[in-house]
C-alpha atoms as a PDB file:
ATOM      1  CA  MET A   1     -32.066 -18.440 -34.344  1.00  0.00           C
ATOM      2  CA  SER A   2     -33.581 -15.483 -32.698  1.00  0.00           C
ATOM      3  CA  ASP A   3     -32.030 -16.658 -29.441  1.00  0.00           C
ATOM      4  CA  ASP A   4     -28.515 -16.161 -30.870  1.00  0.00           C
ATOM      5  CA  LYS A   5     -29.208 -12.491 -31.593  1.00  0.00           C
ATOM      6  CA  ASP A   6     -30.488 -11.929 -28.062  1.00  0.00           C
ATOM      7  CA  ASN A   7     -27.297 -13.394 -26.529  1.00  0.00           C
ATOM      8  CA  ILE A   8     -24.979 -10.876 -28.218  1.00  0.00           C
ATOM      9  CA  ILE A   9     -23.077  -8.845 -25.620  1.00  0.00           C
ATOM     10  CA  SER A  10     -21.994  -5.350 -26.523  1.00  0.00           C
ATOM     11  CA  ILE A  11     -18.720  -4.199 -24.915  1.00  0.00           C
ATOM     12  CA  ASP A  12     -18.563  -0.469 -25.299  1.00  0.00           C
ATOM     13  CA  VAL A  13     -16.835   0.313 -21.981  1.00  0.00           C
ATOM     14  CA  LEU A  14     -13.483  -1.101 -23.093  1.00  0.00           C
ATOM     15  CA  ARG A  15     -11.110   1.334 -24.804  1.00  0.00           C
ATOM     16  CA  ILE A  16      -7.465   1.168 -25.854  1.00  0.00           C
ATOM     17  CA  ASN A  17      -5.305   4.035 -24.638  1.00  0.00           C
ATOM     18  CA  ARG A  18      -2.227   4.277 -26.848  1.00  0.00           C
ATOM     19  CA  ARG A  19      -0.961   7.469 -25.169  1.00  0.00           C
ATOM     20  CA  VAL A  20       0.117   5.796 -21.910  1.00  0.00           C
ATOM     21  CA  PRO A  21       3.862   6.271 -21.395  1.00  0.00           C
ATOM     22  CA  LYS A  22       6.130   3.252 -21.491  1.00  0.00           C
ATOM     23  CA  LYS A  23       7.024   1.578 -18.243  1.00  0.00           C
ATOM     24  CA  CYS A  24       9.748   3.192 -16.188  1.00  0.00           C
ATOM     25  CA  THR A  25      13.334   2.498 -17.252  1.00  0.00           C
ATOM     26  CA  CYS A  26      15.050   4.599 -14.574  1.00  0.00           C
ATOM     27  CA  LYS A  27      18.401   3.254 -13.355  1.00  0.00           C
ATOM     28  CA  VAL A  28      18.055   4.730  -9.841  1.00  0.00           C
ATOM     29  CA  ARG A  29      14.475   4.329  -8.713  1.00  0.00           C
ATOM     30  CA  LYS A  30      12.761   6.135  -5.880  1.00  0.00           C
ATOM     31  CA  PHE A  31       9.297   4.844  -5.151  1.00  0.00           C
ATOM     32  CA  THR A  32       6.359   6.731  -3.677  1.00  0.00           C
ATOM     33  CA  VAL A  33       3.501   4.776  -2.124  1.00  0.00           C
ATOM     34  CA  ASP A  34       0.084   6.384  -2.563  1.00  0.00           C
ATOM     35  CA  THR A  35      -2.106   4.854   0.157  1.00  0.00           C
ATOM     36  CA  GLU A  36      -5.210   6.694  -1.012  1.00  0.00           C
ATOM     37  CA  ASN A  37      -5.209   5.298  -4.545  1.00  0.00           C
ATOM     38  CA  ARG A  38      -3.220   2.165  -3.654  1.00  0.00           C
ATOM     39  CA  GLU A  39      -0.543   2.856  -6.256  1.00  0.00           C
ATOM     40  CA  ILE A  40       3.240   2.892  -6.367  1.00  0.00           C
ATOM     41  CA  THR A  41       4.902   5.472  -8.571  1.00  0.00           C
ATOM     42  CA  CYS A  42       8.521   5.910  -9.586  1.00  0.00           C
ATOM     43  CA  GLY A  43      10.266   9.247  -9.121  1.00  0.00           C
ATOM     44  CA  CYS A  44       9.688   9.928 -12.838  1.00  0.00           C
ATOM     45  CA  GLY A  45       5.910   9.725 -12.270  1.00  0.00           C
ATOM     46  CA  VAL A  46       5.193   6.413 -13.969  1.00  0.00           C
ATOM     47  CA  ILE A  47       2.939   4.001 -12.076  1.00  0.00           C
ATOM     48  CA  VAL A  48       4.893   0.857 -11.190  1.00  0.00           C
ATOM     49  CA  ASP A  49       3.508  -2.607 -10.614  1.00  0.00           C
ATOM     50  CA  PRO A  50       3.832  -3.432  -6.862  1.00  0.00           C
ATOM     51  CA  PHE A  51       5.515  -6.745  -7.635  1.00  0.00           C
ATOM     52  CA  GLU A  52       8.046  -4.972  -9.854  1.00  0.00           C
ATOM     53  CA  ALA A  53       8.798  -2.450  -7.083  1.00  0.00           C
ATOM     54  CA  MET A  54       9.331  -5.211  -4.503  1.00  0.00           C
ATOM     55  CA  LEU A  55      11.522  -7.146  -6.946  1.00  0.00           C
ATOM     56  CA  HIS A  56      13.632  -4.039  -7.532  1.00  0.00           C
ATOM     57  CA  LEU A  57      14.074  -3.522  -3.773  1.00  0.00           C
ATOM     58  CA  ALA A  58      14.924  -7.180  -3.229  1.00  0.00           C
ATOM     59  CA  THR A  59      17.529  -7.296  -5.999  1.00  0.00           C
ATOM     60  CA  ASN A  60      19.117  -3.983  -4.989  1.00  0.00           C
ATOM     61  CA  TYR A  61      19.385  -4.742  -1.280  1.00  0.00           C
ATOM     62  CA  GLU A  62      23.118  -3.914  -1.274  1.00  0.00           C
ATOM     63  CA  TYR A  63      22.408  -0.270  -2.156  1.00  0.00           C
ATOM     64  CA  ILE A  64      19.732  -0.072   0.541  1.00  0.00           C
ATOM     65  CA  ASN A  65      22.072  -1.662   3.096  1.00  0.00           C
ATOM     66  CA  ARG A  66      24.810   0.854   2.225  1.00  0.00           C
ATOM     67  CA  GLN A  67      22.317   3.690   2.733  1.00  0.00           C
ATOM     68  CA  HIS A  68      21.281   2.321   6.129  1.00  0.00           C
ATOM     69  CA  GLN A  69      24.892   1.805   7.159  1.00  0.00           C
ATOM     70  CA  SER A  70      25.788   5.363   6.143  1.00  0.00           C
ATOM     71  CA  LEU A  71      22.838   6.795   8.081  1.00  0.00           C
ATOM     72  CA  ASN A  72      23.701   4.687  11.131  1.00  0.00           C
ATOM     73  CA  GLU A  73      27.316   5.914  11.043  1.00  0.00           C
ATOM     74  CA  GLN A  74      26.085   9.493  10.798  1.00  0.00           C
ATOM     75  CA  ARG A  75      23.762   8.905  13.770  1.00  0.00           C
ATOM     76  CA  LYS A  76      26.635   7.483  15.840  1.00  0.00           C
ATOM     77  CA  GLU A  77      28.796  10.469  14.928  1.00  0.00           C
ATOM     78  CA  TRP A  78      26.086  12.882  16.044  1.00  0.00           C
ATOM     79  CA  LEU A  79      25.673  11.007  19.328  1.00  0.00           C
ATOM     80  CA  LYS A  80      29.406  11.362  20.002  1.00  0.00           C
ATOM     81  CA  GLN A  81      29.203  15.131  19.607  1.00  0.00           C
ATOM     82  CA  LYS A  82      28.273  17.393  22.463  1.00  0.00           C
ATOM     83  CA  PRO A  83      24.659  18.636  22.564  1.00  0.00           C
ATOM     84  CA  TYR A  84      25.885  22.186  22.023  1.00  0.00           C
ATOM     85  CA  SER A  85      27.354  21.116  18.674  1.00  0.00           C
ATOM     86  CA  VAL A  86      23.843  20.243  17.548  1.00  0.00           C
ATOM     87  CA  ILE A  87      22.680  23.725  18.604  1.00  0.00           C
ATOM     88  CA  PHE A  88      25.495  25.353  16.647  1.00  0.00           C
ATOM     89  CA  LYS A  89      24.725  23.248  13.580  1.00  0.00           C
ATOM     90  CA  ARG A  90      21.102  24.372  13.809  1.00  0.00           C
ATOM     91  CA  LEU A  91      22.231  28.004  14.152  1.00  0.00           C
ATOM     92  CA  GLU A  92      24.520  27.613  11.157  1.00  0.00           C
ATOM     93  CA  LYS A  93      21.659  26.200   9.096  1.00  0.00           C
ATOM     94  CA  SER A  94      19.396  29.090  10.161  1.00  0.00           C
ATOM     95  CA  TYR A  95      22.123  31.583   9.319  1.00  0.00           C
ATOM     96  CA  SER A  96      21.847  30.528   5.642  1.00  0.00           C
ATOM     97  CA  ARG A  97      24.990  32.268   4.410  1.00  0.00           C
ATOM     98  CA  GLY A  98      24.159  35.628   5.925  1.00  0.00           C
ATOM     99  CA  THR A  99      20.586  35.999   4.700  1.00  0.00           C
ATOM    100  CA  MET A 100      19.143  35.425   8.184  1.00  0.00           C
ATOM    101  CA  LEU A 101      20.352  36.985  11.459  1.00  0.00           C
ATOM    102  CA  PRO A 102      19.497  36.074  15.060  1.00  0.00           C
ATOM    103  CA  TYR A 103      17.487  38.171  17.502  1.00  0.00           C
ATOM    104  CA  CYS A 104      18.907  38.973  20.911  1.00  0.00           C
ATOM    105  CA  PRO A 105      16.800  37.188  23.561  1.00  0.00           C
ATOM    106  CA  LYS A 106      17.128  40.187  25.927  1.00  0.00           C
ATOM    107  CA  CYS A 107      16.463  43.259  23.782  1.00  0.00           C
ATOM    108  CA  ASN A 108      14.775  41.541  20.818  1.00  0.00           C
ATOM    109  CA  GLN A 109      17.075  43.336  18.332  1.00  0.00           C
ATOM    110  CA  LEU A 110      18.791  41.751  15.337  1.00  0.00           C
ATOM    111  CA  PHE A 111      22.549  41.254  15.566  1.00  0.00           C
ATOM    112  CA  ASP A 112      25.235  39.718  13.376  1.00  0.00           C
ATOM    113  CA  TYR A 113      27.375  36.830  14.552  1.00  0.00           C
ATOM    114  CA  LYS A 114      30.394  38.923  13.563  1.00  0.00           C
ATOM    115  CA  ASP A 115      29.444  41.396  16.318  1.00  0.00           C
ATOM    116  CA  ILE A 116      30.099  38.847  19.073  1.00  0.00           C
ATOM    117  CA  ASN A 117      33.397  39.901  20.648  1.00  0.00           C
ATOM    118  CA  SER A 118      33.816  37.350  23.463  1.00  0.00           C
ATOM    119  CA  HIS A 119      32.270  34.509  25.414  1.00  0.00           C
ATOM    120  CA  GLY A 120      31.562  34.165  29.126  1.00  0.00           C
ATOM    121  CA  ASN A 121      31.325  31.368  31.652  1.00  0.00           C
ATOM    122  CA  ALA A 122      28.007  29.528  31.212  1.00  0.00           C
ATOM    123  CA  GLU A 123      27.799  28.367  34.834  1.00  0.00           C
ATOM    124  CA  PHE A 124      28.304  31.918  36.095  1.00  0.00           C
ATOM    125  CA  TYR A 125      25.578  33.149  33.711  1.00  0.00           C
ATOM    126  CA  ARG A 126      23.091  30.507  34.856  1.00  0.00           C
ATOM    127  CA  ARG A 127      23.704  31.299  38.539  1.00  0.00           C
ATOM    128  CA  LEU A 128      23.281  35.022  37.862  1.00  0.00           C
ATOM    129  CA  GLU A 129      20.020  34.394  36.002  1.00  0.00           C
ATOM    130  CA  GLN A 130      18.747  32.234  38.861  1.00  0.00           C
ATOM    131  CA  LYS A 131      19.559  34.945  41.426  1.00  0.00           C
ATOM    132  CA  LEU A 132      17.810  37.589  39.342  1.00  0.00           C
ATOM    133  CA  ARG A 133      14.693  35.407  39.047  1.00  0.00           C
ATOM    134  CA  GLN A 134      14.653  34.849  42.803  1.00  0.00           C
ATOM    135  CA  GLN A 135      14.988  38.578  43.438  1.00  0.00           C
ATOM    136  CA  GLU A 136      12.073  39.299  41.084  1.00  0.00           C
ATOM    137  CA  MET A 137       9.922  36.745  42.899  1.00  0.00           C
ATOM    138  CA  ASN A 138      10.758  38.254  46.312  1.00  0.00           C
ATOM    139  CA  ILE A 139       9.875  41.800  45.250  1.00  0.00           C
END
């Protein structure tokens, strides 16, 4: 009989946490993979079972395919555009509705795009710059 009392195992490391939020019920889910803690979380912050996340991706493949197709079409459209269009789009983004202004590369002074009054021939400008550089090297 004394052996039965010695074989009793006390489990005091097991607790019930009733404050854990319910599993995610988001309609549109965006997953984040945490490689450090080996967890997958939904955009709402709830930890998601990896199998559940993979099942969601597998059953919603049409949405993912539409996203990829849209991005691919956008990429093709950008490739069709001239490289200078990309530069102008970047300038437009930097302009940020007038809160940011460019610096002149020559005098290092701020100027507004509205102050540009004309454009010149790019090939002529490049040749002139090349001649000026050669003259500086010869002096």
